[in-house]
Amino acid sequence: FIMLTMLAISVLLLGVLVPAAAIVREKEAGTFEQLMIMPISGVELIVAKIVPLILLKLVGLTIGVIMSMWLFDVPLRGSLLLFYAISVLMFLSSSGIGVLMGTFAQNMQQTLLLAFFILFPLAFLSGTLVPISNMPRFLQWLTYLSPLRYYVEATLGIFLKGVGLDVLWPQALALALYGLILLVFSTLRFRKSLA
């Protein structure tokens, strides 16, 4: 359980910090002006930034899965393909948070400070530190705002229970909606910051 939740938290951390750092690095290097004169839309730029990062994060996730299964003897009772599909949805959701952070932050210090105030509540509200059923009712409702909650449920369901998409479709749908909303909002914000 602990290894899988740590794997899920690392997916969130990498998913948020890497895109945010990439955008802030553009600001610090002063190459945002070059982006403004390029004949590409904000969506194309976001996709060009996120897709290579997702591929890189999938490689890191594979290393984490191999370590979990071989070194810590974590069982895999479900579909590894389903786990990767839901992980891509989680990467999209967390990348949306990262791009949004990158549009607000002006330098790397601001990015790390924003990450501190965003990532810790998301991790706390996921049920990894305290079971959701033991939280006060108000916090239980707030857990629905954390994409990590859905990812942890899906990860534990796939690895420990062996459940499939017929059971995990609500988590996959929530992650897809979360990612879509965040990416649309962050793309609009990114376009506004380029203007």
N, C-alpha and C. Protein backbone atom coordinates (compact mmCIF):
# COMPACT_ATOMS: atom_id res chain seq x y z
N PHE A 1 0.83 -1.20 0.00
CA PHE A 1 0.00 0.00 0.00
C PHE A 1 0.87 1.25 0.00
N ILE A 2 1.85 1.30 0.89
CA ILE A 2 2.70 2.49 1.00
C ILE A 2 3.49 2.72 -0.29
N MET A 3 4.03 1.65 -0.86
CA MET A 3 4.82 1.81 -2.09
C MET A 3 3.97 2.33 -3.22
N LEU A 4 2.74 1.83 -3.34
CA LEU A 4 1.86 2.28 -4.42
C LEU A 4 1.44 3.73 -4.22
N THR A 5 1.17 4.14 -2.98
CA THR A 5 0.80 5.53 -2.75
C THR A 5 1.98 6.47 -2.98
N MET A 6 3.19 6.02 -2.63
CA MET A 6 4.38 6.84 -2.92
C MET A 6 4.60 6.96 -4.42
N LEU A 7 4.33 5.89 -5.15
CA LEU A 7 4.41 5.93 -6.61
C LEU A 7 3.41 6.94 -7.17
N ALA A 8 2.18 6.93 -6.63
CA ALA A 8 1.15 7.86 -7.08
C ALA A 8 1.53 9.31 -6.76
N ILE A 9 2.08 9.55 -5.58
CA ILE A 9 2.49 10.90 -5.21
C ILE A 9 3.63 11.38 -6.11
N SER A 10 4.55 10.48 -6.45
CA SER A 10 5.64 10.89 -7.35
C SER A 10 5.11 11.23 -8.74
N VAL A 11 4.06 10.54 -9.18
CA VAL A 11 3.43 10.88 -10.47
C VAL A 11 2.87 12.30 -10.41
N LEU A 12 2.23 12.65 -9.29
CA LEU A 12 1.70 14.01 -9.14
C LEU A 12 2.84 15.03 -9.11
N LEU A 13 3.86 14.76 -8.31
CA LEU A 13 4.97 15.72 -8.19
C LEU A 13 5.65 15.97 -9.52
N LEU A 14 5.99 14.90 -10.23
CA LEU A 14 6.64 15.07 -11.53
C LEU A 14 5.70 15.73 -12.53
N GLY A 15 4.44 15.34 -12.49
CA GLY A 15 3.47 15.88 -13.44
C GLY A 15 3.25 17.37 -13.28
N VAL A 16 3.39 17.87 -12.05
CA VAL A 16 3.17 19.29 -11.80
C VAL A 16 4.46 20.09 -11.98
N LEU A 17 5.54 19.62 -11.38
CA LEU A 17 6.76 20.42 -11.33
C LEU A 17 7.49 20.53 -12.67
N VAL A 18 7.52 19.46 -13.45
CA VAL A 18 8.29 19.50 -14.70
C VAL A 18 7.68 20.48 -15.71
N PRO A 19 6.36 20.45 -16.00
CA PRO A 19 5.84 21.46 -16.94
C PRO A 19 5.93 22.88 -16.40
N ALA A 20 5.70 23.05 -15.10
CA ALA A 20 5.80 24.39 -14.52
C ALA A 20 7.21 24.92 -14.67
N ALA A 21 8.21 24.07 -14.40
CA ALA A 21 9.61 24.50 -14.53
C ALA A 21 9.96 24.81 -15.98
N ALA A 22 9.40 24.04 -16.92
CA ALA A 22 9.69 24.29 -18.34
C ALA A 22 9.17 25.65 -18.77
N ILE A 23 7.99 26.01 -18.33
CA ILE A 23 7.41 27.30 -18.72
C ILE A 23 8.14 28.45 -18.04
N VAL A 24 8.45 28.28 -16.75
CA VAL A 24 9.15 29.34 -16.03
C VAL A 24 10.56 29.53 -16.60
N ARG A 25 11.18 28.44 -17.03
CA ARG A 25 12.51 28.55 -17.64
C ARG A 25 12.45 29.40 -18.90
N GLU A 26 11.34 29.27 -19.67
CA GLU A 26 11.16 30.11 -20.86
C GLU A 26 11.08 31.58 -20.46
N LYS A 27 10.37 31.84 -19.36
CA LYS A 27 10.25 33.23 -18.90
C LYS A 27 11.59 33.77 -18.44
N GLU A 28 12.31 32.97 -17.67
CA GLU A 28 13.60 33.44 -17.14
C GLU A 28 14.63 33.62 -18.25
N ALA A 29 14.57 32.79 -19.27
CA ALA A 29 15.53 32.90 -20.38
C ALA A 29 15.15 34.03 -21.34
N GLY A 30 13.93 34.54 -21.22
CA GLY A 30 13.49 35.62 -22.09
C GLY A 30 13.07 35.16 -23.47
N THR A 31 12.74 33.89 -23.62
CA THR A 31 12.34 33.38 -24.93
C THR A 31 10.83 33.43 -25.15
N PHE A 32 10.09 34.02 -24.21
CA PHE A 32 8.65 34.15 -24.40
C PHE A 32 8.33 35.06 -25.59
N GLU A 33 9.18 36.05 -25.81
CA GLU A 33 8.96 36.95 -26.94
C GLU A 33 9.07 36.19 -28.26
N GLN A 34 9.99 35.25 -28.34
CA GLN A 34 10.11 34.43 -29.54
C GLN A 34 8.87 33.56 -29.74
N LEU A 35 8.30 33.08 -28.63
CA LEU A 35 7.08 32.28 -28.73
C LEU A 35 5.91 33.11 -29.26
N MET A 36 5.90 34.41 -28.92
CA MET A 36 4.79 35.25 -29.34
C MET A 36 4.78 35.48 -30.85
N ILE A 37 5.95 35.47 -31.49
CA ILE A 37 5.97 35.74 -32.93
C ILE A 37 5.91 34.47 -33.76
N MET A 38 5.94 33.31 -33.12
CA MET A 38 5.84 32.05 -33.86
C MET A 38 4.42 31.83 -34.35
N PRO A 39 4.25 31.28 -35.55
CA PRO A 39 2.89 31.08 -36.10
C PRO A 39 2.22 29.80 -35.56
N ILE A 40 2.18 29.67 -34.24
CA ILE A 40 1.51 28.52 -33.63
C ILE A 40 0.53 29.03 -32.60
N SER A 41 -0.49 28.22 -32.34
CA SER A 41 -1.48 28.61 -31.35
C SER A 41 -1.01 28.19 -29.96
N GLY A 42 -1.72 28.68 -28.95
CA GLY A 42 -1.40 28.31 -27.58
C GLY A 42 -1.57 26.83 -27.33
N VAL A 43 -2.58 26.23 -27.97
CA VAL A 43 -2.82 24.79 -27.81
C VAL A 43 -1.66 23.99 -28.38
N GLU A 44 -1.19 24.39 -29.56
CA GLU A 44 -0.06 23.68 -30.18
C GLU A 44 1.20 23.78 -29.33
N LEU A 45 1.41 24.94 -28.73
CA LEU A 45 2.58 25.12 -27.88
C LEU A 45 2.48 24.27 -26.62
N ILE A 46 1.30 24.24 -26.02
CA ILE A 46 1.10 23.43 -24.81
C ILE A 46 1.31 21.95 -25.14
N VAL A 47 0.75 21.49 -26.24
CA VAL A 47 0.91 20.08 -26.64
C VAL A 47 2.38 19.77 -26.89
N ALA A 48 3.09 20.69 -27.55
CA ALA A 48 4.51 20.48 -27.82
C ALA A 48 5.33 20.42 -26.54
N LYS A 49 4.88 21.14 -25.52
CA LYS A 49 5.59 21.12 -24.23
C LYS A 49 5.24 19.87 -23.43
N ILE A 50 3.97 19.43 -23.48
CA ILE A 50 3.50 18.38 -22.58
C ILE A 50 3.79 16.97 -23.10
N VAL A 51 3.62 16.71 -24.39
CA VAL A 51 3.74 15.34 -24.91
C VAL A 51 5.13 14.74 -24.65
N PRO A 52 6.24 15.45 -24.95
CA PRO A 52 7.54 14.85 -24.62
C PRO A 52 7.72 14.60 -23.12
N LEU A 53 7.17 15.52 -22.30
CA LEU A 53 7.28 15.34 -20.85
C LEU A 53 6.50 14.11 -20.39
N ILE A 54 5.33 13.87 -20.98
CA ILE A 54 4.55 12.69 -20.60
C ILE A 54 5.31 11.42 -20.98
N LEU A 55 5.94 11.40 -22.14
CA LEU A 55 6.72 10.22 -22.54
C LEU A 55 7.88 10.00 -21.57
N LEU A 56 8.54 11.07 -21.18
CA LEU A 56 9.64 10.96 -20.22
C LEU A 56 9.13 10.46 -18.87
N LYS A 57 7.96 10.97 -18.45
CA LYS A 57 7.39 10.55 -17.17
C LYS A 57 6.94 9.10 -17.20
N LEU A 58 6.50 8.62 -18.36
CA LEU A 58 6.13 7.20 -18.48
C LEU A 58 7.34 6.29 -18.31
N VAL A 59 8.49 6.75 -18.77
CA VAL A 59 9.72 5.98 -18.56
C VAL A 59 10.03 5.91 -17.06
N GLY A 60 9.93 7.04 -16.39
CA GLY A 60 10.15 7.07 -14.94
C GLY A 60 9.13 6.21 -14.19
N LEU A 61 7.88 6.25 -14.65
CA LEU A 61 6.85 5.43 -14.03
C LEU A 61 7.15 3.95 -14.20
N THR A 62 7.65 3.57 -15.37
CA THR A 62 8.02 2.17 -15.61
C THR A 62 9.11 1.72 -14.65
N ILE A 63 10.09 2.57 -14.41
CA ILE A 63 11.14 2.24 -13.45
C ILE A 63 10.54 2.07 -12.05
N GLY A 64 9.61 2.96 -11.67
CA GLY A 64 8.95 2.85 -10.38
C GLY A 64 8.13 1.58 -10.24
N VAL A 65 7.42 1.20 -11.30
CA VAL A 65 6.62 -0.03 -11.28
C VAL A 65 7.53 -1.25 -11.15
N ILE A 66 8.61 -1.27 -11.90
CA ILE A 66 9.55 -2.40 -11.82
C ILE A 66 10.14 -2.51 -10.42
N MET A 67 10.54 -1.38 -9.85
CA MET A 67 11.07 -1.41 -8.49
C MET A 67 10.02 -1.89 -7.49
N SER A 68 8.79 -1.42 -7.65
CA SER A 68 7.72 -1.83 -6.73
C SER A 68 7.48 -3.33 -6.78
N MET A 69 7.46 -3.86 -7.98
CA MET A 69 7.14 -5.28 -8.13
C MET A 69 8.30 -6.18 -7.76
N TRP A 70 9.52 -5.82 -8.13
CA TRP A 70 10.66 -6.71 -7.89
C TRP A 70 11.31 -6.50 -6.54
N LEU A 71 11.51 -5.25 -6.14
CA LEU A 71 12.19 -5.00 -4.87
C LEU A 71 11.26 -5.08 -3.67
N PHE A 72 10.01 -4.60 -3.85
CA PHE A 72 9.09 -4.54 -2.72
C PHE A 72 7.99 -5.59 -2.80
N ASP A 73 8.04 -6.43 -3.82
CA ASP A 73 7.11 -7.56 -3.96
C ASP A 73 5.64 -7.13 -4.00
N VAL A 74 5.36 -6.01 -4.66
CA VAL A 74 3.98 -5.55 -4.81
C VAL A 74 3.31 -6.39 -5.89
N PRO A 75 2.16 -6.98 -5.59
CA PRO A 75 1.50 -7.82 -6.60
C PRO A 75 0.82 -6.97 -7.68
N LEU A 76 0.73 -7.52 -8.87
CA LEU A 76 -0.03 -6.90 -9.95
C LEU A 76 -1.14 -7.87 -10.32
N ARG A 77 -2.34 -7.58 -9.85
CA ARG A 77 -3.46 -8.49 -10.10
C ARG A 77 -4.34 -8.02 -11.25
N GLY A 78 -4.15 -6.79 -11.70
CA GLY A 78 -4.96 -6.25 -12.79
C GLY A 78 -4.16 -6.04 -14.05
N SER A 79 -4.69 -5.19 -14.92
CA SER A 79 -4.09 -4.94 -16.22
C SER A 79 -3.06 -3.81 -16.13
N LEU A 80 -1.84 -4.12 -16.56
CA LEU A 80 -0.79 -3.10 -16.59
C LEU A 80 -1.10 -2.04 -17.65
N LEU A 81 -1.73 -2.45 -18.75
CA LEU A 81 -2.12 -1.51 -19.80
C LEU A 81 -3.14 -0.49 -19.28
N LEU A 82 -4.10 -0.97 -18.49
CA LEU A 82 -5.08 -0.06 -17.89
C LEU A 82 -4.40 0.91 -16.93
N PHE A 83 -3.43 0.41 -16.17
CA PHE A 83 -2.70 1.27 -15.25
C PHE A 83 -1.98 2.39 -16.00
N TYR A 84 -1.35 2.05 -17.12
CA TYR A 84 -0.66 3.08 -17.91
C TYR A 84 -1.64 4.05 -18.54
N ALA A 85 -2.80 3.57 -18.97
CA ALA A 85 -3.80 4.47 -19.56
C ALA A 85 -4.30 5.46 -18.51
N ILE A 86 -4.57 4.99 -17.31
CA ILE A 86 -5.03 5.89 -16.24
C ILE A 86 -3.88 6.80 -15.80
N SER A 87 -2.65 6.30 -15.86
CA SER A 87 -1.49 7.14 -15.52
C SER A 87 -1.34 8.29 -16.51
N VAL A 88 -1.61 8.03 -17.79
CA VAL A 88 -1.55 9.12 -18.79
C VAL A 88 -2.59 10.18 -18.46
N LEU A 89 -3.79 9.75 -18.05
CA LEU A 89 -4.82 10.72 -17.65
C LEU A 89 -4.36 11.53 -16.44
N MET A 90 -3.69 10.87 -15.50
CA MET A 90 -3.17 11.58 -14.33
C MET A 90 -2.07 12.55 -14.73
N PHE A 91 -1.21 12.14 -15.67
CA PHE A 91 -0.17 13.05 -16.14
C PHE A 91 -0.79 14.27 -16.82
N LEU A 92 -1.87 14.08 -17.58
CA LEU A 92 -2.54 15.22 -18.21
C LEU A 92 -3.11 16.16 -17.16
N SER A 93 -3.75 15.58 -16.13
CA SER A 93 -4.32 16.40 -15.06
C SER A 93 -3.23 17.18 -14.32
N SER A 94 -2.17 16.47 -13.94
CA SER A 94 -1.11 17.15 -13.19
C SER A 94 -0.34 18.12 -14.07
N SER A 95 -0.22 17.82 -15.37
CA SER A 95 0.44 18.77 -16.27
C SER A 95 -0.39 20.04 -16.42
N GLY A 96 -1.71 19.89 -16.40
CA GLY A 96 -2.57 21.07 -16.43
C GLY A 96 -2.33 21.97 -15.24
N ILE A 97 -2.16 21.36 -14.06
CA ILE A 97 -1.84 22.14 -12.86
C ILE A 97 -0.48 22.80 -13.03
N GLY A 98 0.49 22.05 -13.56
CA GLY A 98 1.83 22.60 -13.74
C GLY A 98 1.88 23.75 -14.73
N VAL A 99 1.18 23.61 -15.85
CA VAL A 99 1.16 24.70 -16.84
C VAL A 99 0.48 25.93 -16.24
N LEU A 100 -0.59 25.71 -15.50
CA LEU A 100 -1.28 26.83 -14.85
C LEU A 100 -0.36 27.53 -13.86
N MET A 101 0.38 26.74 -13.07
CA MET A 101 1.34 27.34 -12.15
C MET A 101 2.40 28.12 -12.90
N GLY A 102 2.87 27.57 -14.01
CA GLY A 102 3.90 28.23 -14.79
C GLY A 102 3.45 29.56 -15.37
N THR A 103 2.16 29.69 -15.65
CA THR A 103 1.67 30.96 -16.19
C THR A 103 1.59 32.04 -15.11
N PHE A 104 1.43 31.63 -13.85
CA PHE A 104 1.36 32.61 -12.77
C PHE A 104 2.74 32.97 -12.22
N ALA A 105 3.63 32.00 -12.13
CA ALA A 105 4.95 32.24 -11.53
C ALA A 105 5.86 32.98 -12.50
N GLN A 106 6.69 33.84 -11.95
CA GLN A 106 7.63 34.60 -12.77
C GLN A 106 9.05 34.05 -12.72
N ASN A 107 9.35 33.26 -11.68
CA ASN A 107 10.68 32.66 -11.56
C ASN A 107 10.56 31.32 -10.85
N MET A 108 11.68 30.62 -10.74
CA MET A 108 11.66 29.27 -10.17
C MET A 108 11.30 29.29 -8.68
N GLN A 109 11.70 30.32 -7.95
CA GLN A 109 11.37 30.40 -6.54
C GLN A 109 9.86 30.50 -6.34
N GLN A 110 9.20 31.32 -7.14
CA GLN A 110 7.75 31.42 -7.06
C GLN A 110 7.08 30.10 -7.42
N THR A 111 7.66 29.39 -8.39
CA THR A 111 7.10 28.10 -8.79
C THR A 111 7.15 27.11 -7.63
N LEU A 112 8.28 27.04 -6.95
CA LEU A 112 8.41 26.12 -5.82
C LEU A 112 7.50 26.51 -4.67
N LEU A 113 7.33 27.80 -4.44
CA LEU A 113 6.42 28.25 -3.38
C LEU A 113 4.98 27.91 -3.72
N LEU A 114 4.59 28.15 -4.96
CA LEU A 114 3.24 27.76 -5.40
C LEU A 114 3.04 26.25 -5.29
N ALA A 115 4.06 25.50 -5.66
CA ALA A 115 3.97 24.03 -5.58
C ALA A 115 3.76 23.58 -4.15
N PHE A 116 4.43 24.23 -3.22
CA PHE A 116 4.27 23.88 -1.80
C PHE A 116 2.81 24.05 -1.36
N PHE A 117 2.20 25.16 -1.78
CA PHE A 117 0.82 25.44 -1.35
C PHE A 117 -0.22 24.66 -2.13
N ILE A 118 0.15 24.06 -3.25
CA ILE A 118 -0.80 23.28 -4.04
C ILE A 118 -0.63 21.78 -3.83
N LEU A 119 0.61 21.30 -3.84
CA LEU A 119 0.85 19.86 -3.80
C LEU A 119 0.55 19.22 -2.46
N PHE A 120 0.89 19.88 -1.37
CA PHE A 120 0.63 19.28 -0.07
C PHE A 120 -0.86 19.11 0.22
N PRO A 121 -1.70 20.11 -0.06
CA PRO A 121 -3.14 19.86 0.13
C PRO A 121 -3.68 18.77 -0.79
N LEU A 122 -3.20 18.72 -2.04
CA LEU A 122 -3.66 17.67 -2.95
C LEU A 122 -3.26 16.29 -2.44
N ALA A 123 -2.04 16.17 -1.90
CA ALA A 123 -1.59 14.89 -1.36
C ALA A 123 -2.38 14.53 -0.10
N PHE A 124 -2.62 15.51 0.75
CA PHE A 124 -3.38 15.25 1.98
C PHE A 124 -4.80 14.81 1.67
N LEU A 125 -5.41 15.47 0.69
CA LEU A 125 -6.80 15.18 0.36
C LEU A 125 -6.97 13.92 -0.49
N SER A 126 -5.89 13.24 -0.80
CA SER A 126 -5.98 12.04 -1.64
C SER A 126 -6.29 10.78 -0.86
N GLY A 127 -6.13 10.84 0.45
CA GLY A 127 -6.34 9.63 1.26
C GLY A 127 -5.08 8.82 1.45
N THR A 128 -3.93 9.33 1.03
CA THR A 128 -2.69 8.59 1.20
C THR A 128 -2.13 8.71 2.61
N LEU A 129 -2.33 9.86 3.25
CA LEU A 129 -1.81 10.07 4.59
C LEU A 129 -2.83 9.72 5.66
N VAL A 130 -4.07 10.10 5.43
CA VAL A 130 -5.18 9.83 6.34
C VAL A 130 -6.31 9.24 5.52
N PRO A 131 -6.90 8.12 5.94
CA PRO A 131 -8.03 7.58 5.17
C PRO A 131 -9.16 8.60 5.06
N ILE A 132 -9.75 8.67 3.89
CA ILE A 132 -10.80 9.66 3.63
C ILE A 132 -11.97 9.47 4.59
N SER A 133 -12.27 8.24 4.93
CA SER A 133 -13.40 7.97 5.84
C SER A 133 -13.16 8.51 7.25
N ASN A 134 -11.90 8.75 7.63
CA ASN A 134 -11.58 9.28 8.96
C ASN A 134 -11.52 10.80 8.99
N MET A 135 -11.66 11.44 7.83
CA MET A 135 -11.60 12.90 7.77
C MET A 135 -12.95 13.49 8.17
N PRO A 136 -12.95 14.74 8.64
CA PRO A 136 -14.23 15.42 8.87
C PRO A 136 -15.02 15.52 7.56
N ARG A 137 -16.33 15.61 7.67
CA ARG A 137 -17.21 15.59 6.50
C ARG A 137 -16.83 16.68 5.49
N PHE A 138 -16.47 17.86 5.97
CA PHE A 138 -16.09 18.96 5.08
C PHE A 138 -14.88 18.58 4.24
N LEU A 139 -13.88 17.97 4.88
CA LEU A 139 -12.69 17.57 4.12
C LEU A 139 -12.99 16.41 3.19
N GLN A 140 -13.91 15.54 3.56
CA GLN A 140 -14.29 14.45 2.66
C GLN A 140 -14.85 14.99 1.36
N TRP A 141 -15.61 16.06 1.44
CA TRP A 141 -16.14 16.68 0.21
C TRP A 141 -15.02 17.33 -0.59
N LEU A 142 -14.04 17.91 0.11
CA LEU A 142 -12.93 18.56 -0.59
C LEU A 142 -12.03 17.56 -1.32
N THR A 143 -12.03 16.30 -0.88
CA THR A 143 -11.17 15.30 -1.54
C THR A 143 -11.54 15.09 -3.00
N TYR A 144 -12.76 15.41 -3.36
CA TYR A 144 -13.17 15.26 -4.77
C TYR A 144 -12.46 16.26 -5.68
N LEU A 145 -11.83 17.28 -5.10
CA LEU A 145 -11.09 18.26 -5.90
C LEU A 145 -9.67 17.82 -6.19
N SER A 146 -9.21 16.74 -5.56
CA SER A 146 -7.84 16.28 -5.75
C SER A 146 -7.80 15.17 -6.80
N PRO A 147 -7.06 15.38 -7.90
CA PRO A 147 -6.97 14.30 -8.89
C PRO A 147 -6.22 13.09 -8.35
N LEU A 148 -5.39 13.32 -7.34
CA LEU A 148 -4.63 12.22 -6.76
C LEU A 148 -5.55 11.22 -6.07
N ARG A 149 -6.68 11.68 -5.55
CA ARG A 149 -7.63 10.76 -4.93
C ARG A 149 -8.06 9.68 -5.92
N TYR A 150 -8.43 10.10 -7.12
CA TYR A 150 -8.91 9.16 -8.14
C TYR A 150 -7.79 8.25 -8.62
N TYR A 151 -6.58 8.82 -8.72
CA TYR A 151 -5.45 8.02 -9.20
C TYR A 151 -5.04 6.97 -8.18
N VAL A 152 -5.04 7.34 -6.91
CA VAL A 152 -4.70 6.37 -5.86
C VAL A 152 -5.72 5.24 -5.83
N GLU A 153 -7.01 5.58 -5.92
CA GLU A 153 -8.05 4.55 -5.94
C GLU A 153 -7.86 3.60 -7.12
N ALA A 154 -7.54 4.16 -8.29
CA ALA A 154 -7.34 3.33 -9.47
C ALA A 154 -6.09 2.47 -9.33
N THR A 155 -5.01 3.05 -8.84
CA THR A 155 -3.76 2.30 -8.68
C THR A 155 -3.92 1.14 -7.72
N LEU A 156 -4.52 1.41 -6.57
CA LEU A 156 -4.74 0.34 -5.59
C LEU A 156 -5.69 -0.71 -6.13
N GLY A 157 -6.72 -0.27 -6.85
CA GLY A 157 -7.67 -1.22 -7.43
C GLY A 157 -7.02 -2.14 -8.46
N ILE A 158 -6.15 -1.58 -9.30
CA ILE A 158 -5.50 -2.39 -10.34
C ILE A 158 -4.46 -3.33 -9.73
N PHE A 159 -3.60 -2.81 -8.87
CA PHE A 159 -2.51 -3.63 -8.34
C PHE A 159 -2.99 -4.62 -7.29
N LEU A 160 -3.78 -4.17 -6.32
CA LEU A 160 -4.10 -5.03 -5.18
C LEU A 160 -5.39 -5.81 -5.35
N LYS A 161 -6.36 -5.26 -6.06
CA LYS A 161 -7.66 -5.93 -6.19
C LYS A 161 -7.88 -6.58 -7.54
N GLY A 162 -7.14 -6.14 -8.55
CA GLY A 162 -7.29 -6.72 -9.88
C GLY A 162 -8.55 -6.31 -10.61
N VAL A 163 -9.07 -5.12 -10.29
CA VAL A 163 -10.31 -4.67 -10.93
C VAL A 163 -9.99 -4.05 -12.29
N GLY A 164 -10.99 -3.98 -13.14
CA GLY A 164 -10.81 -3.45 -14.49
C GLY A 164 -11.53 -2.14 -14.68
N LEU A 165 -11.67 -1.76 -15.95
CA LEU A 165 -12.30 -0.49 -16.28
C LEU A 165 -13.78 -0.49 -15.95
N ASP A 166 -14.41 -1.66 -15.89
CA ASP A 166 -15.82 -1.72 -15.53
C ASP A 166 -16.06 -1.21 -14.12
N VAL A 167 -15.05 -1.28 -13.25
CA VAL A 167 -15.15 -0.76 -11.89
C VAL A 167 -14.50 0.62 -11.78
N LEU A 168 -13.43 0.84 -12.52
CA LEU A 168 -12.65 2.07 -12.38
C LEU A 168 -13.04 3.18 -13.35
N TRP A 169 -14.12 3.00 -14.11
CA TRP A 169 -14.49 4.05 -15.07
C TRP A 169 -14.81 5.38 -14.40
N PRO A 170 -15.39 5.42 -13.16
CA PRO A 170 -15.61 6.74 -12.56
C PRO A 170 -14.30 7.49 -12.29
N GLN A 171 -13.27 6.75 -11.84
CA GLN A 171 -11.98 7.39 -11.60
C GLN A 171 -11.35 7.87 -12.90
N ALA A 172 -11.43 7.03 -13.95
CA ALA A 172 -10.86 7.42 -15.24
C ALA A 172 -11.60 8.63 -15.81
N LEU A 173 -12.91 8.64 -15.69
CA LEU A 173 -13.70 9.77 -16.19
C LEU A 173 -13.38 11.04 -15.41
N ALA A 174 -13.25 10.93 -14.09
CA ALA A 174 -12.93 12.10 -13.27
C ALA A 174 -11.57 12.66 -13.65
N LEU A 175 -10.58 11.79 -13.84
CA LEU A 175 -9.25 12.26 -14.24
C LEU A 175 -9.27 12.90 -15.62
N ALA A 176 -10.04 12.31 -16.54
CA ALA A 176 -10.13 12.88 -17.89
C ALA A 176 -10.77 14.26 -17.86
N LEU A 177 -11.87 14.39 -17.10
CA LEU A 177 -12.53 15.70 -16.99
C LEU A 177 -11.64 16.71 -16.29
N TYR A 178 -11.01 16.29 -15.23
CA TYR A 178 -10.11 17.17 -14.49
C TYR A 178 -9.00 17.67 -15.41
N GLY A 179 -8.38 16.74 -16.15
CA GLY A 179 -7.31 17.11 -17.07
C GLY A 179 -7.77 18.03 -18.18
N LEU A 180 -8.95 17.74 -18.75
CA LEU A 180 -9.48 18.57 -19.83
C LEU A 180 -9.77 19.98 -19.35
N ILE A 181 -10.42 20.11 -18.21
CA ILE A 181 -10.75 21.43 -17.68
C ILE A 181 -9.48 22.21 -17.37
N LEU A 182 -8.52 21.56 -16.71
CA LEU A 182 -7.28 22.25 -16.36
C LEU A 182 -6.47 22.65 -17.58
N LEU A 183 -6.40 21.76 -18.56
CA LEU A 183 -5.62 22.08 -19.76
C LEU A 183 -6.27 23.20 -20.57
N VAL A 184 -7.60 23.21 -20.66
CA VAL A 184 -8.27 24.30 -21.37
C VAL A 184 -8.05 25.62 -20.65
N PHE A 185 -8.23 25.61 -19.33
CA PHE A 185 -8.06 26.83 -18.54
C PHE A 185 -6.61 27.32 -18.60
N SER A 186 -5.65 26.37 -18.47
CA SER A 186 -4.24 26.78 -18.49
C SER A 186 -3.82 27.26 -19.89
N THR A 187 -4.41 26.69 -20.95
CA THR A 187 -4.11 27.15 -22.30
C THR A 187 -4.62 28.57 -22.51
N LEU A 188 -5.84 28.85 -22.02
CA LEU A 188 -6.38 30.22 -22.11
C LEU A 188 -5.52 31.19 -21.32
N ARG A 189 -5.12 30.78 -20.14
CA ARG A 189 -4.27 31.63 -19.30
C ARG A 189 -2.90 31.84 -19.96
N PHE A 190 -2.38 30.78 -20.57
CA PHE A 190 -1.09 30.86 -21.25
C PHE A 190 -1.17 31.81 -22.44
N ARG A 191 -2.24 31.70 -23.22
CA ARG A 191 -2.44 32.59 -24.36
C ARG A 191 -2.54 34.04 -23.89
N LYS A 192 -3.24 34.25 -22.77
CA LYS A 192 -3.39 35.60 -22.24
C LYS A 192 -2.05 36.16 -21.78
N SER A 193 -1.21 35.28 -21.19
CA SER A 193 0.11 35.76 -20.73
C SER A 193 1.04 36.04 -21.90
N LEU A 194 0.81 35.38 -23.05
CA LEU A 194 1.63 35.67 -24.23
C LEU A 194 1.21 36.96 -24.92
N ALA A 195 -0.05 37.34 -24.76
CA ALA A 195 -0.56 38.54 -25.45
C ALA A 195 -0.03 39.82 -24.84
